[in-house]
């Protein structure tokens, strides 16, 4: 892919700009945003709730569930579990729904055969 236009027009768009404006690329961006933004917002809310509970709800967070295991400890471990779960969900989603479309676009842009 070349960034130099073959026309004499000094403001001719580059290949990158042409691809960026294409409906296929816009759809790919929309798919990405529709997945990533809600999941990110949900995780940030979950994290903020954990931090606020840890700071302001000491009695609740120190409730013993079993032995020395407290609600706060379970919420803290839940942060790690949710991080790994989100990563696995994203990887599965990207492999099935995002990467094949992006790869197809890349082949088209680079002029490869399918």
N, C-alpha and C. Protein backbone atom coordinates (compact mmCIF):
# COMPACT_ATOMS: atom_id res chain seq x y z
N UNK A 1 0.85 -1.16 0.00
CA UNK A 1 0.00 0.00 0.00
C UNK A 1 0.90 1.22 0.00
N UNK A 2 0.61 2.17 -0.86
CA UNK A 2 1.42 3.37 -0.96
C UNK A 2 0.62 4.57 -0.48
N UNK A 3 1.30 5.52 0.11
CA UNK A 3 0.64 6.72 0.60
C UNK A 3 0.73 7.87 -0.39
N UNK A 4 1.34 7.65 -1.54
CA UNK A 4 1.52 8.71 -2.52
C UNK A 4 0.49 8.53 -3.62
N UNK A 5 -0.26 9.57 -3.86
CA UNK A 5 -1.28 9.52 -4.89
C UNK A 5 -0.63 9.68 -6.26
N UNK A 6 -1.22 9.06 -7.26
CA UNK A 6 -0.67 9.15 -8.61
C UNK A 6 -1.25 10.33 -9.37
N UNK A 7 -2.16 11.09 -8.75
CA UNK A 7 -2.72 12.25 -9.43
C UNK A 7 -1.88 13.47 -9.16
N UNK A 8 -2.10 14.53 -9.93
CA UNK A 8 -1.37 15.77 -9.73
C UNK A 8 -2.03 16.65 -8.67
N UNK A 9 -3.16 16.22 -8.14
CA UNK A 9 -3.89 16.98 -7.15
C UNK A 9 -3.12 16.96 -5.83
N UNK A 10 -2.69 18.13 -5.31
CA UNK A 10 -1.90 18.16 -4.07
C UNK A 10 -2.69 17.74 -2.84
N UNK A 11 -4.00 17.78 -2.91
CA UNK A 11 -4.81 17.39 -1.75
C UNK A 11 -5.49 16.04 -1.97
N UNK A 12 -4.97 15.25 -2.89
CA UNK A 12 -5.55 13.92 -3.13
C UNK A 12 -5.41 13.08 -1.86
N UNK A 13 -6.43 12.28 -1.61
CA UNK A 13 -6.40 11.48 -0.38
C UNK A 13 -5.47 10.29 -0.53
N UNK A 14 -4.91 9.90 0.59
CA UNK A 14 -4.02 8.75 0.62
C UNK A 14 -4.84 7.47 0.69
N UNK A 15 -4.19 6.35 0.49
CA UNK A 15 -4.86 5.06 0.62
C UNK A 15 -5.45 4.91 2.02
N UNK A 16 -4.69 5.35 3.00
CA UNK A 16 -5.15 5.25 4.38
C UNK A 16 -6.45 6.04 4.57
N UNK A 17 -6.50 7.25 4.05
CA UNK A 17 -7.71 8.07 4.18
C UNK A 17 -8.88 7.43 3.44
N UNK A 18 -8.63 6.85 2.28
CA UNK A 18 -9.68 6.19 1.51
C UNK A 18 -10.24 5.00 2.29
N UNK A 19 -9.35 4.21 2.85
CA UNK A 19 -9.79 3.04 3.64
C UNK A 19 -10.55 3.50 4.87
N UNK A 20 -10.04 4.53 5.52
CA UNK A 20 -10.68 5.02 6.73
C UNK A 20 -12.11 5.50 6.47
N UNK A 21 -12.37 6.05 5.30
CA UNK A 21 -13.71 6.52 4.95
C UNK A 21 -14.62 5.40 4.44
N UNK A 22 -14.07 4.26 4.14
CA UNK A 22 -14.87 3.18 3.53
C UNK A 22 -15.92 2.66 4.50
N UNK A 23 -17.07 2.25 3.97
CA UNK A 23 -18.13 1.69 4.82
C UNK A 23 -17.68 0.44 5.59
N UNK A 24 -16.83 -0.37 4.96
CA UNK A 24 -16.35 -1.59 5.63
C UNK A 24 -15.53 -1.24 6.87
N UNK A 25 -14.65 -0.25 6.74
CA UNK A 25 -13.83 0.15 7.88
C UNK A 25 -14.68 0.78 8.96
N UNK A 26 -15.63 1.61 8.57
CA UNK A 26 -16.54 2.24 9.53
C UNK A 26 -17.34 1.18 10.29
N UNK A 27 -17.77 0.13 9.59
CA UNK A 27 -18.49 -0.96 10.23
C UNK A 27 -17.59 -1.69 11.22
N UNK A 28 -16.34 -1.90 10.83
CA UNK A 28 -15.39 -2.57 11.71
C UNK A 28 -15.16 -1.74 12.97
N UNK A 29 -15.00 -0.44 12.82
CA UNK A 29 -14.84 0.46 13.98
C UNK A 29 -16.08 0.42 14.87
N UNK A 30 -17.26 0.42 14.25
CA UNK A 30 -18.51 0.38 15.01
C UNK A 30 -18.60 -0.92 15.83
N UNK A 31 -18.26 -2.04 15.19
CA UNK A 31 -18.28 -3.32 15.91
C UNK A 31 -17.34 -3.29 17.11
N UNK A 32 -16.14 -2.77 16.89
CA UNK A 32 -15.15 -2.69 17.97
C UNK A 32 -15.68 -1.82 19.12
N UNK A 33 -16.17 -0.66 18.78
CA UNK A 33 -16.67 0.26 19.81
C UNK A 33 -17.88 -0.31 20.53
N UNK A 34 -18.77 -0.96 19.80
CA UNK A 34 -19.96 -1.54 20.43
C UNK A 34 -19.63 -2.65 21.41
N UNK A 35 -18.49 -3.27 21.25
CA UNK A 35 -18.06 -4.30 22.21
C UNK A 35 -17.22 -3.69 23.32
N UNK A 36 -16.20 -2.95 22.95
CA UNK A 36 -15.19 -2.51 23.91
C UNK A 36 -15.71 -1.44 24.87
N UNK A 37 -16.42 -0.45 24.38
CA UNK A 37 -16.85 0.64 25.26
C UNK A 37 -17.79 0.17 26.38
N UNK A 38 -18.83 -0.62 26.09
CA UNK A 38 -19.68 -1.08 27.19
C UNK A 38 -18.94 -1.97 28.19
N UNK A 39 -18.09 -2.85 27.69
CA UNK A 39 -17.36 -3.74 28.59
C UNK A 39 -16.40 -2.93 29.47
N UNK A 40 -15.73 -1.96 28.88
CA UNK A 40 -14.83 -1.10 29.64
C UNK A 40 -15.60 -0.31 30.69
N UNK A 41 -16.73 0.26 30.31
CA UNK A 41 -17.54 1.03 31.26
C UNK A 41 -18.01 0.14 32.41
N UNK A 42 -18.47 -1.05 32.08
CA UNK A 42 -18.92 -1.99 33.11
C UNK A 42 -17.79 -2.33 34.08
N UNK A 43 -16.60 -2.61 33.54
CA UNK A 43 -15.48 -2.95 34.41
C UNK A 43 -15.09 -1.76 35.28
N UNK A 44 -15.07 -0.56 34.73
CA UNK A 44 -14.70 0.62 35.52
C UNK A 44 -15.71 0.88 36.64
N UNK A 45 -16.98 0.66 36.36
CA UNK A 45 -18.00 0.81 37.41
C UNK A 45 -17.77 -0.24 38.50
N UNK A 46 -17.53 -1.47 38.10
CA UNK A 46 -17.27 -2.56 39.04
C UNK A 46 -16.04 -2.24 39.90
N UNK A 47 -14.99 -1.71 39.29
CA UNK A 47 -13.79 -1.34 40.03
C UNK A 47 -14.07 -0.18 40.98
N UNK A 48 -14.79 0.83 40.52
CA UNK A 48 -15.12 1.98 41.35
C UNK A 48 -15.96 1.57 42.55
N UNK A 49 -16.92 0.67 42.33
CA UNK A 49 -17.74 0.16 43.44
C UNK A 49 -16.85 -0.53 44.47
N UNK A 50 -15.91 -1.33 43.99
CA UNK A 50 -14.98 -2.01 44.90
C UNK A 50 -14.17 -1.01 45.72
N UNK A 51 -13.62 0.00 45.06
CA UNK A 51 -12.81 1.00 45.76
C UNK A 51 -13.66 1.77 46.76
N UNK A 52 -14.85 2.18 46.36
CA UNK A 52 -15.71 2.93 47.27
C UNK A 52 -16.14 2.09 48.47
N UNK A 53 -16.48 0.83 48.22
CA UNK A 53 -16.84 -0.04 49.34
C UNK A 53 -15.66 -0.25 50.28
N UNK A 54 -14.48 -0.42 49.71
CA UNK A 54 -13.29 -0.62 50.54
C UNK A 54 -13.00 0.62 51.39
N UNK A 55 -13.30 1.79 50.86
CA UNK A 55 -13.01 3.03 51.57
C UNK A 55 -14.11 3.43 52.54
N UNK A 56 -15.37 3.21 52.17
CA UNK A 56 -16.47 3.75 52.96
C UNK A 56 -17.36 2.69 53.63
N UNK A 57 -17.23 1.45 53.30
CA UNK A 57 -18.09 0.42 53.89
C UNK A 57 -17.24 -0.63 54.59
N UNK A 58 -16.47 -0.17 55.56
CA UNK A 58 -15.56 -1.07 56.27
C UNK A 58 -16.30 -2.24 56.93
N UNK A 59 -17.44 -1.93 57.55
CA UNK A 59 -18.18 -3.00 58.23
C UNK A 59 -18.64 -4.07 57.24
N UNK A 60 -19.15 -3.65 56.10
CA UNK A 60 -19.59 -4.61 55.09
C UNK A 60 -18.42 -5.42 54.54
N UNK A 61 -17.35 -4.73 54.20
CA UNK A 61 -16.20 -5.42 53.58
C UNK A 61 -15.48 -6.34 54.56
N UNK A 62 -15.66 -6.12 55.86
CA UNK A 62 -14.97 -6.97 56.83
C UNK A 62 -15.84 -8.11 57.35
N UNK A 63 -17.01 -8.28 56.75
CA UNK A 63 -17.86 -9.42 57.13
C UNK A 63 -17.14 -10.71 56.75
N UNK A 64 -17.02 -11.60 57.72
CA UNK A 64 -16.36 -12.88 57.47
C UNK A 64 -17.33 -13.84 56.79
N UNK A 65 -16.87 -14.41 55.69
CA UNK A 65 -17.68 -15.36 54.94
C UNK A 65 -17.38 -16.76 55.43
N UNK A 66 -16.08 -17.03 55.61
CA UNK A 66 -15.64 -18.34 56.09
C UNK A 66 -14.23 -18.18 56.63
N UNK A 67 -14.05 -18.48 57.89
CA UNK A 67 -12.71 -18.35 58.49
C UNK A 67 -12.21 -16.92 58.39
N UNK A 68 -11.05 -16.75 57.77
CA UNK A 68 -10.49 -15.41 57.58
C UNK A 68 -10.86 -14.79 56.24
N UNK A 69 -11.72 -15.43 55.50
CA UNK A 69 -12.16 -14.93 54.20
C UNK A 69 -13.26 -13.89 54.42
N UNK A 70 -13.03 -12.65 53.95
CA UNK A 70 -14.00 -11.58 54.12
C UNK A 70 -14.62 -11.21 52.77
N UNK A 71 -15.71 -10.44 52.85
CA UNK A 71 -16.36 -9.94 51.64
C UNK A 71 -15.36 -9.11 50.84
N UNK A 72 -14.56 -8.29 51.51
CA UNK A 72 -13.56 -7.45 50.83
C UNK A 72 -12.54 -8.28 50.07
N UNK A 73 -12.10 -9.38 50.67
CA UNK A 73 -11.15 -10.25 50.00
C UNK A 73 -11.78 -10.88 48.76
N UNK A 74 -13.03 -11.32 48.88
CA UNK A 74 -13.72 -11.90 47.72
C UNK A 74 -13.90 -10.87 46.61
N UNK A 75 -14.26 -9.63 46.98
CA UNK A 75 -14.39 -8.58 45.97
C UNK A 75 -13.04 -8.29 45.31
N UNK A 76 -11.97 -8.27 46.10
CA UNK A 76 -10.64 -8.04 45.54
C UNK A 76 -10.22 -9.13 44.58
N UNK A 77 -10.45 -10.38 44.97
CA UNK A 77 -10.15 -11.50 44.08
C UNK A 77 -11.06 -11.47 42.85
N UNK A 78 -12.28 -10.98 43.04
CA UNK A 78 -13.21 -10.85 41.93
C UNK A 78 -12.70 -9.88 40.87
N UNK A 79 -11.91 -8.90 41.28
CA UNK A 79 -11.30 -7.98 40.31
C UNK A 79 -10.37 -8.74 39.37
N UNK A 80 -9.56 -9.62 39.93
CA UNK A 80 -8.65 -10.42 39.08
C UNK A 80 -9.43 -11.37 38.18
N UNK A 81 -10.42 -12.03 38.76
CA UNK A 81 -11.23 -12.98 37.99
C UNK A 81 -11.93 -12.26 36.83
N UNK A 82 -12.51 -11.10 37.12
CA UNK A 82 -13.22 -10.38 36.06
C UNK A 82 -12.26 -9.87 34.98
N UNK A 83 -11.05 -9.49 35.37
CA UNK A 83 -10.07 -9.05 34.38
C UNK A 83 -9.72 -10.19 33.43
N UNK A 84 -9.45 -11.36 33.97
CA UNK A 84 -9.14 -12.52 33.12
C UNK A 84 -10.35 -12.92 32.28
N UNK A 85 -11.56 -12.87 32.87
CA UNK A 85 -12.76 -13.22 32.13
C UNK A 85 -12.99 -12.27 30.95
N UNK A 86 -12.81 -10.97 31.20
CA UNK A 86 -12.98 -10.00 30.12
C UNK A 86 -11.95 -10.24 29.02
N UNK A 87 -10.73 -10.55 29.41
CA UNK A 87 -9.69 -10.82 28.42
C UNK A 87 -10.05 -12.03 27.57
N UNK A 88 -10.52 -13.09 28.20
CA UNK A 88 -10.88 -14.30 27.46
C UNK A 88 -12.10 -14.05 26.56
N UNK A 89 -13.08 -13.32 27.07
CA UNK A 89 -14.26 -13.01 26.27
C UNK A 89 -13.89 -12.16 25.07
N UNK A 90 -13.03 -11.15 25.30
CA UNK A 90 -12.61 -10.30 24.19
C UNK A 90 -11.84 -11.10 23.14
N UNK A 91 -10.92 -11.94 23.59
CA UNK A 91 -10.12 -12.73 22.65
C UNK A 91 -11.02 -13.64 21.81
N UNK A 92 -12.00 -14.28 22.44
CA UNK A 92 -12.92 -15.14 21.71
C UNK A 92 -13.75 -14.33 20.73
N UNK A 93 -14.26 -13.17 21.19
CA UNK A 93 -15.06 -12.30 20.32
C UNK A 93 -14.22 -11.81 19.13
N UNK A 94 -13.01 -11.35 19.41
CA UNK A 94 -12.15 -10.84 18.33
C UNK A 94 -11.82 -11.93 17.33
N UNK A 95 -11.53 -13.12 17.80
CA UNK A 95 -11.20 -14.23 16.90
C UNK A 95 -12.36 -14.61 15.99
N UNK A 96 -13.59 -14.51 16.51
CA UNK A 96 -14.75 -14.92 15.73
C UNK A 96 -15.35 -13.79 14.89
N UNK A 97 -15.47 -12.61 15.46
CA UNK A 97 -16.26 -11.55 14.85
C UNK A 97 -15.43 -10.40 14.26
N UNK A 98 -14.26 -10.16 14.77
CA UNK A 98 -13.51 -8.97 14.40
C UNK A 98 -12.33 -9.27 13.48
N UNK A 99 -11.48 -10.18 13.92
CA UNK A 99 -10.25 -10.47 13.17
C UNK A 99 -10.50 -10.98 11.75
N UNK A 100 -11.47 -11.86 11.52
CA UNK A 100 -11.69 -12.31 10.13
C UNK A 100 -12.05 -11.15 9.19
N UNK A 101 -12.88 -10.23 9.66
CA UNK A 101 -13.26 -9.08 8.84
C UNK A 101 -12.06 -8.17 8.61
N UNK A 102 -11.29 -7.93 9.66
CA UNK A 102 -10.09 -7.09 9.53
C UNK A 102 -9.07 -7.73 8.59
N UNK A 103 -8.91 -9.03 8.67
CA UNK A 103 -7.99 -9.73 7.79
C UNK A 103 -8.45 -9.65 6.34
N UNK A 104 -9.74 -9.80 6.13
CA UNK A 104 -10.30 -9.68 4.79
C UNK A 104 -10.05 -8.28 4.22
N UNK A 105 -10.27 -7.27 5.04
CA UNK A 105 -10.01 -5.90 4.60
C UNK A 105 -8.53 -5.69 4.27
N UNK A 106 -7.66 -6.25 5.11
CA UNK A 106 -6.23 -6.11 4.87
C UNK A 106 -5.85 -6.72 3.52
N UNK A 107 -6.39 -7.88 3.24
CA UNK A 107 -6.10 -8.54 1.95
C UNK A 107 -6.59 -7.68 0.79
N UNK A 108 -7.76 -7.14 0.91
CA UNK A 108 -8.30 -6.29 -0.15
C UNK A 108 -7.42 -5.05 -0.36
N UNK A 109 -7.02 -4.44 0.74
CA UNK A 109 -6.21 -3.22 0.65
C UNK A 109 -4.85 -3.51 0.02
N UNK A 110 -4.27 -4.64 0.40
CA UNK A 110 -2.95 -4.99 -0.11
C UNK A 110 -3.02 -5.68 -1.46
N UNK A 111 -4.23 -5.93 -1.95
CA UNK A 111 -4.38 -6.51 -3.27
C UNK A 111 -4.13 -7.99 -3.36
N UNK A 112 -4.20 -8.70 -2.23
CA UNK A 112 -4.00 -10.14 -2.23
C UNK A 112 -5.26 -10.84 -2.67
N UNK A 113 -5.11 -12.04 -3.19
CA UNK A 113 -6.26 -12.86 -3.56
C UNK A 113 -6.79 -13.54 -2.31
N UNK A 114 -8.08 -13.86 -2.33
CA UNK A 114 -8.70 -14.52 -1.16
C UNK A 114 -8.49 -16.00 -1.22
